Protein backbone atom coordinates (compact mmCIF):
# COMPACT_ATOMS: atom_id res chain seq x y z
CA MET A 1 19.28 -11.41 0.13
CA ASP A 2 19.30 -9.21 3.19
CA GLU A 3 15.85 -7.56 3.16
CA ALA A 4 16.44 -5.67 6.48
CA LEU A 5 19.36 -4.06 5.07
CA LEU A 6 17.77 -2.79 1.98
CA ARG A 7 14.88 -1.45 3.99
CA SER A 8 17.36 0.34 6.37
CA LEU A 9 19.09 1.85 3.37
CA THR A 10 16.08 3.01 1.50
CA PRO A 11 15.56 6.47 3.28
CA GLY A 12 19.15 7.51 3.08
CA VAL A 13 19.21 6.74 -0.75
CA LEU A 14 15.86 8.58 -1.41
CA THR A 15 17.03 11.62 0.47
CA VAL A 16 20.45 11.71 -1.52
CA LEU A 17 18.47 11.79 -4.89
CA VAL A 18 16.03 14.62 -3.51
CA ARG A 19 19.10 16.56 -2.25
CA ARG A 20 20.54 16.31 -5.86
CA GLY A 21 17.43 17.82 -7.46
CA ALA A 22 15.10 15.02 -8.12
CA ASP A 23 11.39 15.56 -7.13
CA PHE A 24 10.07 13.19 -4.56
CA ALA A 25 7.96 11.27 -6.78
CA ALA A 26 10.63 10.49 -9.47
CA ALA A 27 13.21 9.93 -6.81
CA GLU A 28 11.09 7.32 -5.02
CA ASP A 29 10.33 5.48 -8.36
CA ALA A 30 14.13 5.46 -9.13
CA VAL A 31 15.02 4.07 -5.63
CA GLN A 32 12.29 1.24 -6.09
CA ASP A 33 13.97 0.39 -9.47
CA ALA A 34 17.41 0.20 -7.90
CA LEU A 35 16.05 -2.03 -5.09
CA VAL A 36 14.64 -4.51 -7.74
CA GLU A 37 18.17 -4.44 -9.35
CA ALA A 38 19.76 -5.08 -6.12
CA ILE A 39 17.59 -8.18 -5.36
CA ARG A 40 18.72 -9.43 -8.85
CA VAL A 41 22.32 -8.60 -8.68
CA TRP A 42 23.52 -8.69 -5.05
CA PRO A 43 23.27 -12.42 -4.36
CA ALA A 44 25.91 -13.33 -7.13
CA ASP A 45 27.76 -10.07 -6.72
CA PRO A 46 27.49 -8.16 -3.42
CA PRO A 47 28.79 -4.66 -3.54
CA ARG A 48 31.40 -3.27 -0.92
CA ASP A 49 29.39 -0.17 -0.38
CA PRO A 50 25.63 -1.03 -0.61
CA LYS A 51 24.40 2.44 -0.04
CA GLY A 52 26.69 3.94 -2.73
CA TRP A 53 25.67 1.17 -5.21
CA LEU A 54 22.06 1.92 -4.73
CA VAL A 55 22.71 5.78 -4.87
CA THR A 56 24.48 5.23 -8.25
CA VAL A 57 22.00 2.82 -9.83
CA ALA A 58 19.06 4.97 -8.49
CA TRP A 59 20.55 8.14 -9.75
CA ARG A 60 21.00 6.69 -13.37
CA ARG A 61 17.59 5.42 -13.39
CA PHE A 62 16.30 8.89 -12.46
CA LEU A 63 18.48 10.41 -15.27
CA ASP A 64 17.16 7.80 -17.77
CA ALA A 65 13.58 8.58 -17.02
CA THR A 66 14.39 12.27 -17.16
CA ARG A 67 15.86 12.29 -20.40
CA ALA A 68 13.01 10.18 -21.73
CA ASP A 69 10.45 12.61 -20.74
CA THR A 70 10.39 15.58 -23.05
CA ALA A 71 8.12 17.64 -20.67
CA ARG A 72 10.96 17.83 -18.31
CA ARG A 73 13.87 18.99 -20.27
CA ARG A 74 14.47 21.87 -18.08
CA ARG A 75 15.09 19.47 -15.25
CA GLU A 76 17.34 17.35 -17.61
CA ASP A 77 19.69 20.40 -18.05
CA ARG A 78 20.25 20.55 -14.19
CA ALA A 79 20.72 16.83 -13.90
CA ASP A 80 22.85 16.13 -17.03
CA GLU A 81 26.16 15.49 -15.32
CA GLU A 82 26.35 12.56 -13.12
CA PRO A 83 28.32 12.95 -9.92
CA PRO A 84 31.85 11.29 -9.90
CA PRO A 85 31.96 7.81 -8.38
CA GLY A 86 33.12 7.65 -4.68
CA PRO A 87 31.75 7.08 -1.19
CA VAL A 88 28.32 8.63 -0.38
CA PRO A 89 28.56 11.30 2.21
CA ALA A 90 27.90 10.00 5.68
CA ALA A 91 25.35 12.65 6.57
CA ASP A 92 22.02 11.01 7.44
CA ASP A 93 18.99 13.01 6.18
CA THR A 94 16.55 10.40 7.28
CA LEU A 95 14.96 12.73 9.89
CA GLN A 96 14.01 15.15 7.05
CA LEU A 97 12.38 12.26 5.21
CA TYR A 98 10.21 11.80 8.37
CA PHE A 99 9.07 15.28 8.22
CA LEU A 100 8.34 15.17 4.58
CA CYS A 101 6.28 12.11 4.81
CA ALA A 102 4.30 13.58 7.78
CA HIS A 103 3.79 16.81 5.95
CA PRO A 104 0.67 18.63 7.21
CA SER A 105 -0.75 18.85 3.64
CA LEU A 106 -1.19 15.05 3.75
CA THR A 107 -4.15 13.20 5.36
CA PRO A 108 -3.23 10.92 8.00
CA SER A 109 -3.87 7.80 6.06
CA ALA A 110 -1.76 9.16 3.18
CA ALA A 111 1.07 10.20 5.64
CA VAL A 112 0.98 6.76 7.25
CA ALA A 113 1.24 5.04 3.78
CA LEU A 114 4.04 7.33 2.43
CA THR A 115 5.96 6.80 5.70
CA LEU A 116 5.75 2.95 5.40
CA ARG A 117 6.84 3.08 1.71
CA ALA A 118 9.69 5.77 1.92
CA VAL A 119 11.13 5.50 5.33
CA GLY A 120 10.13 1.96 6.20
CA GLY A 121 11.04 0.65 2.64
CA LEU A 122 7.89 -1.56 2.52
CA THR A 123 6.41 -2.46 -0.99
CA THR A 124 3.00 -1.10 -1.97
CA ARG A 125 1.68 -4.65 -1.86
CA GLN A 126 2.83 -5.22 1.76
CA ILE A 127 1.21 -1.85 2.84
CA ALA A 128 -2.00 -2.79 1.01
CA ARG A 129 -2.21 -6.15 2.54
CA ALA A 130 -1.45 -4.69 6.07
CA TYR A 131 -4.52 -2.29 5.56
CA LEU A 132 -6.59 -4.85 3.88
CA VAL A 133 -7.17 -2.79 0.72
CA PRO A 134 -6.61 -3.61 -2.84
CA GLU A 135 -3.09 -2.88 -4.06
CA ALA A 136 -4.41 -0.58 -6.91
CA THR A 137 -6.05 1.56 -4.09
CA MET A 138 -3.04 1.77 -1.97
CA ALA A 139 -0.81 2.59 -5.07
CA GLN A 140 -3.12 5.41 -5.92
CA ARG A 141 -2.96 6.71 -2.32
CA ILE A 142 0.99 6.62 -2.29
CA SER A 143 1.00 8.28 -5.67
CA ARG A 144 -1.15 11.18 -4.58
CA ALA A 145 0.93 11.60 -1.55
CA LYS A 146 4.21 11.63 -3.56
CA ARG A 147 2.71 14.23 -5.92
CA THR A 148 1.67 16.44 -2.95
CA VAL A 149 5.10 16.58 -1.45
CA SER A 150 7.14 16.70 -4.62
CA GLY A 151 7.64 20.47 -4.43
CA VAL A 152 8.38 20.48 -0.71
CA ARG A 153 12.06 21.25 0.07
CA LEU A 154 13.98 19.22 2.55
CA ASP A 155 15.81 22.12 4.06
CA ARG A 156 12.94 23.35 6.32
CA PRO A 157 12.49 22.27 9.87
CA GLY A 158 9.76 19.73 10.30
CA ASP A 159 7.18 19.30 13.21
CA VAL A 160 8.25 16.32 15.38
CA GLY A 161 4.67 16.25 16.86
CA THR A 162 3.04 15.42 13.39
CA VAL A 163 5.84 12.77 12.79
CA LEU A 164 5.06 11.09 16.28
CA ARG A 165 1.23 11.18 15.46
CA VAL A 166 1.91 9.36 12.25
CA LEU A 167 4.04 6.65 13.77
CA TYR A 168 1.37 6.13 16.56
CA LEU A 169 -1.30 5.71 13.88
CA VAL A 170 0.99 2.93 12.34
CA PHE A 171 1.38 1.32 15.77
CA ASN A 172 -2.19 1.15 16.55
CA GLU A 173 -2.89 -0.59 13.39
CA GLY A 174 -1.20 -3.67 15.09
CA TYR A 175 -0.96 -6.74 12.61
CA SER A 176 -2.57 -7.68 9.49
CA GLY A 177 -1.33 -9.55 6.42
CA ASP A 178 2.37 -10.33 6.32
CA VAL A 179 3.60 -7.04 7.79
CA ASP A 180 3.64 -6.54 11.60
CA LEU A 181 2.83 -2.77 11.75
CA ALA A 182 3.24 -2.57 15.41
CA ALA A 183 6.85 -3.95 15.28
CA GLU A 184 7.45 -1.82 12.14
CA ALA A 185 6.41 1.31 14.03
CA VAL A 186 8.68 0.37 17.03
CA ARG A 187 11.49 -0.02 14.55
CA LEU A 188 10.88 3.37 12.81
CA THR A 189 10.56 5.14 16.20
CA ARG A 190 13.88 3.62 17.41
CA GLN A 191 15.30 5.26 14.25
CA LEU A 192 13.82 8.69 15.03
CA ALA A 193 14.91 8.42 18.66
CA ALA A 194 18.48 7.76 17.51
CA ARG A 195 18.43 10.89 15.33
CA VAL A 196 16.46 13.60 17.55
CA ASP A 197 16.87 14.28 21.23
CA HIS A 198 13.39 15.04 22.26
CA PRO A 199 11.46 13.79 25.32
CA GLU A 200 8.25 13.09 23.50
CA VAL A 201 10.15 10.87 21.03
CA ALA A 202 11.48 9.06 23.98
CA GLY A 203 7.90 8.84 25.36
CA LEU A 204 6.21 7.42 22.45
CA LEU A 205 9.00 4.78 22.03
CA ALA A 206 8.54 3.80 25.64
CA LEU A 207 4.84 3.77 25.30
CA MET A 208 5.21 1.52 22.25
CA LEU A 209 7.62 -0.86 24.02
CA LEU A 210 5.35 -1.11 27.03
CA HIS A 211 2.19 -1.91 25.15
CA HIS A 212 4.01 -4.24 22.76
CA ALA A 213 5.33 -6.13 25.70
CA ARG A 214 1.78 -7.22 26.58
CA ARG A 215 1.12 -8.32 23.03
CA ALA A 216 1.27 -12.14 23.58
CA ALA A 217 -1.29 -11.99 26.39
CA ARG A 218 -3.95 -9.96 24.74
CA THR A 219 -5.68 -12.79 22.85
CA ALA A 220 -6.80 -16.34 23.92
CA PRO A 221 -5.89 -19.40 21.77
CA ASP A 222 -9.41 -18.92 20.00
CA GLY A 223 -8.34 -15.43 19.07
CA SER A 224 -10.77 -13.68 21.49
CA LEU A 225 -9.73 -10.58 23.37
CA VAL A 226 -8.32 -10.92 26.94
CA PRO A 227 -8.95 -7.74 29.11
CA LEU A 228 -6.03 -6.34 30.87
CA ALA A 229 -7.15 -7.48 34.25
CA GLU A 230 -7.48 -11.04 33.07
CA GLN A 231 -4.31 -11.25 31.22
CA ASP A 232 -1.48 -13.84 32.12
CA ARG A 233 1.10 -11.45 33.24
CA GLY A 234 3.63 -14.17 33.02
CA ARG A 235 3.41 -13.86 29.23
CA TRP A 236 4.22 -10.27 29.39
CA ASP A 237 7.82 -9.60 27.91
CA THR A 238 9.71 -8.18 30.93
CA ARG A 239 12.68 -7.33 28.74
CA LEU A 240 10.60 -4.66 26.69
CA ILE A 241 9.04 -3.53 29.83
CA ALA A 242 12.56 -2.73 31.55
CA GLU A 243 13.62 -1.04 28.22
CA GLY A 244 10.56 0.93 28.05
CA VAL A 245 10.75 2.12 31.62
CA GLY A 246 14.41 2.78 31.24
CA ILE A 247 13.74 5.03 28.39
CA LEU A 248 10.73 6.82 30.08
CA GLN A 249 12.40 7.76 33.52
CA PRO A 250 14.97 10.16 31.92
CA ALA A 251 12.55 11.71 29.65
CA LEU A 252 10.21 12.42 32.52
CA ALA A 253 13.13 13.88 34.47
CA ARG A 254 13.68 16.54 31.66
CA ASP A 255 10.36 17.97 33.05
CA ARG A 256 8.96 18.70 29.64
CA LEU A 257 5.92 16.44 29.95
CA GLY A 258 3.97 15.69 26.91
CA GLU A 259 1.06 13.29 25.95
CA PHE A 260 3.08 10.45 24.98
CA GLN A 261 5.23 10.55 28.14
CA ALA A 262 2.03 10.68 30.13
CA GLN A 263 0.49 7.70 28.39
CA ALA A 264 3.69 5.94 28.74
CA ALA A 265 3.73 6.67 32.57
CA ILE A 266 0.23 4.97 32.71
CA ALA A 267 1.35 2.07 30.74
CA ALA A 268 4.32 1.68 33.14
CA LEU A 269 2.15 1.64 36.18
CA HIS A 270 0.02 -1.23 34.78
CA ALA A 271 3.31 -3.11 33.92
CA ASP A 272 4.70 -2.59 37.30
CA ALA A 273 1.68 -4.22 39.21
CA PRO A 274 2.44 -7.94 39.88
CA THR A 275 -1.49 -8.53 39.76
CA ALA A 276 -4.32 -6.53 38.53
CA GLU A 277 -5.44 -6.03 42.07
CA GLU A 278 -2.23 -4.52 43.07
CA THR A 279 -2.38 -1.81 40.44
CA ASP A 280 -1.79 1.77 41.71
CA TRP A 281 -4.99 3.13 40.37
CA VAL A 282 -4.65 6.35 42.38
CA GLN A 283 -1.41 7.32 40.69
CA ILE A 284 -2.80 6.27 37.29
CA VAL A 285 -5.89 8.80 37.99
CA GLU A 286 -3.32 11.50 38.51
CA TRP A 287 -1.58 10.73 35.26
CA TYR A 288 -4.85 10.85 33.63
CA ASP A 289 -5.49 14.21 35.10
CA GLU A 290 -2.23 15.34 33.60
CA LEU A 291 -3.10 13.92 30.22
CA ALA A 292 -6.44 15.54 30.02
CA ARG A 293 -4.73 18.96 30.96
CA LEU A 294 -2.37 18.33 28.02
CA THR A 295 -4.87 17.11 25.47
CA ASP A 296 -8.22 17.89 26.55
CA SER A 297 -9.48 14.75 24.94
CA PRO A 298 -12.85 13.23 25.47
CA VAL A 299 -11.31 9.69 24.94
CA VAL A 300 -8.83 10.50 27.79
CA ARG A 301 -11.51 11.52 29.98
CA LEU A 302 -13.50 8.43 29.28
CA ASN A 303 -10.29 6.27 30.17
CA ARG A 304 -10.02 8.34 33.21
CA ALA A 305 -13.57 7.47 34.39
CA VAL A 306 -12.45 3.83 34.24
CA ALA A 307 -9.54 4.64 36.42
CA VAL A 308 -11.67 6.65 38.83
CA GLY A 309 -14.04 3.67 39.11
CA GLU A 310 -11.01 1.43 39.96
CA ALA A 311 -9.49 3.98 42.50
CA ASP A 312 -12.56 5.41 44.26
CA GLY A 313 -15.30 2.79 43.50
CA PRO A 314 -17.75 2.26 40.66
CA GLY A 315 -20.03 5.09 41.67
CA ALA A 316 -17.36 7.62 41.43
CA GLY A 317 -16.56 6.19 37.99
CA LEU A 318 -20.15 6.39 37.02
CA ALA A 319 -20.34 10.11 38.01
CA ALA A 320 -17.31 10.89 36.07
CA LEU A 321 -18.68 9.12 33.04
CA ALA A 322 -22.07 11.08 33.41
CA GLU A 323 -20.16 14.38 32.53
CA LEU A 324 -19.15 12.97 29.12
CA ASP A 325 -20.99 12.62 25.83
CA GLU A 326 -22.77 9.50 25.40
CA SER A 327 -22.02 9.38 21.76
CA LEU A 328 -18.41 8.99 22.51
CA PRO A 329 -16.97 5.55 21.21
CA ARG A 330 -16.75 2.98 23.94
CA HIS A 331 -19.02 5.14 26.24
CA THR A 332 -21.58 2.37 26.53
CA ALA A 333 -18.93 -0.31 26.88
CA VAL A 334 -17.36 1.69 29.94
CA ALA A 335 -20.81 2.10 31.45
CA ALA A 336 -21.38 -1.47 31.14
CA HIS A 337 -18.18 -2.42 32.89
CA LEU A 338 -18.79 0.23 35.67
CA HIS A 339 -22.32 -1.05 36.33
CA GLU A 340 -20.99 -4.70 36.42
CA ARG A 341 -18.35 -3.66 39.03
CA ALA A 342 -21.21 -1.90 40.90
CA GLY A 343 -23.14 -5.18 41.05
CA ASP A 344 -25.83 -4.17 38.66
CA ARG A 345 -25.73 -7.19 36.41
CA GLU A 346 -28.94 -6.60 34.69
CA THR A 347 -28.03 -3.15 33.41
CA ALA A 348 -24.50 -4.17 32.60
CA ALA A 349 -25.74 -7.10 30.42
CA ARG A 350 -28.06 -4.72 28.45
CA LEU A 351 -25.39 -2.11 28.03
CA TYR A 352 -22.81 -4.78 26.97
CA ALA A 353 -25.28 -6.01 24.30
CA GLU A 354 -25.85 -2.35 23.18
CA ALA A 355 -22.12 -1.69 23.04
CA ALA A 356 -21.62 -4.98 20.99
CA ARG A 357 -24.12 -3.71 18.45
CA LYS A 358 -22.21 -0.42 18.18
CA ALA A 359 -18.75 -1.85 17.85
CA THR A 360 -17.04 -1.84 14.49
CA ASP A 361 -14.17 -4.14 15.36
CA LEU A 362 -15.24 -7.68 15.18
CA ALA A 363 -13.09 -9.07 17.97
CA GLU A 364 -14.18 -6.16 20.26
CA ARG A 365 -17.97 -7.09 19.12
CA ASP A 366 -17.42 -10.73 20.05
CA HIS A 367 -15.78 -9.79 23.51
CA LEU A 368 -18.86 -7.63 24.44
CA THR A 369 -21.32 -10.12 23.29
CA ARG A 370 -19.68 -12.69 25.52
CA ARG A 371 -19.77 -10.33 28.39
CA ALA A 372 -23.45 -9.82 27.90
CA ALA A 373 -24.15 -13.51 27.62
CA ARG A 374 -22.07 -14.41 30.68
CA LEU A 375 -24.08 -12.00 32.80
CA ASN A 376 -27.52 -13.16 31.41
CA VAL A 377 -26.53 -16.74 32.18
CA HIS A 378 -25.65 -15.75 35.69
CA ARG A 379 -28.92 -14.06 36.06
CA GLY A 380 -30.70 -17.01 34.63
CA GLY A 381 -28.90 -19.31 37.12
CA ARG A 382 -30.04 -17.41 40.11
């Protein structure tokens, strides 16, 4: 059974049912039933038109459920006649499905889960494992999200920016369980880029590819984090880097700069440097200035302080850091890094230990603890 084919067909089948009058929740249930039937039937009797087969079976399941529900007899009257058999229209409404799943009325976590289920074609169990929550919890989250968007029509324009933020959330979850969410986010963003001509869509895809290219070098064999400056650049995926840069350059040339394009430009400068020492930090600071102008984000300004510390020296970085709220996540870790760069190992060790106590991610906590221990050992040796 070609699972990739089923997942690629799911959004289009779901959209056909919604266009025919099924509400989102009922349509999604019917499509899942059709997918289960396909897994049972197709190995012995593969259809000539897989999408048409799925639409037919899903529509029949929807009608069966509608007729069995006496509270929905008014909908039954509208859906009583099954459309004649034949090829499914070639129109692709997947883009509208992206907009629906990223609806502003949904919380970010609900939008992510619904996107993975409806557009990505993942099962509830796969999504639950990826997010390390019980399957029942994820099922409730998805069910609530489906009910929320059931009354939303697919003929209204959606917000590309909201869709991009949802996809970026998926990408940043990385990998857990049996679903590689970073790879899934790249796949879905490729689909979106093929359907909408927007420089920020290209920017997000480029950003994902450039970050994903460094994935193999981010962890040591024992699972510990490897900072960017210490990564083995020979393990970076040059094919993905070239693709990301090739997508980014035409997007930037359109002169409609957005936050994902700016982030991708920073990632491209890191990828372009043969060694950490040869990184063009001055240009990276300039891009952080653009990004701060676009987003006014304290996190962006925190990352900018690191870049300033590399471009103009740790003293300048600490001065930039002093302008920011100390309660910002990773503020203490950045201060530790800059103090270490300035040669103040005692202060750096204390701040690394403090940052480790604040860290919520176990891998990051372990990394910061190791940094503090290494500096303390160095001080003891002297």
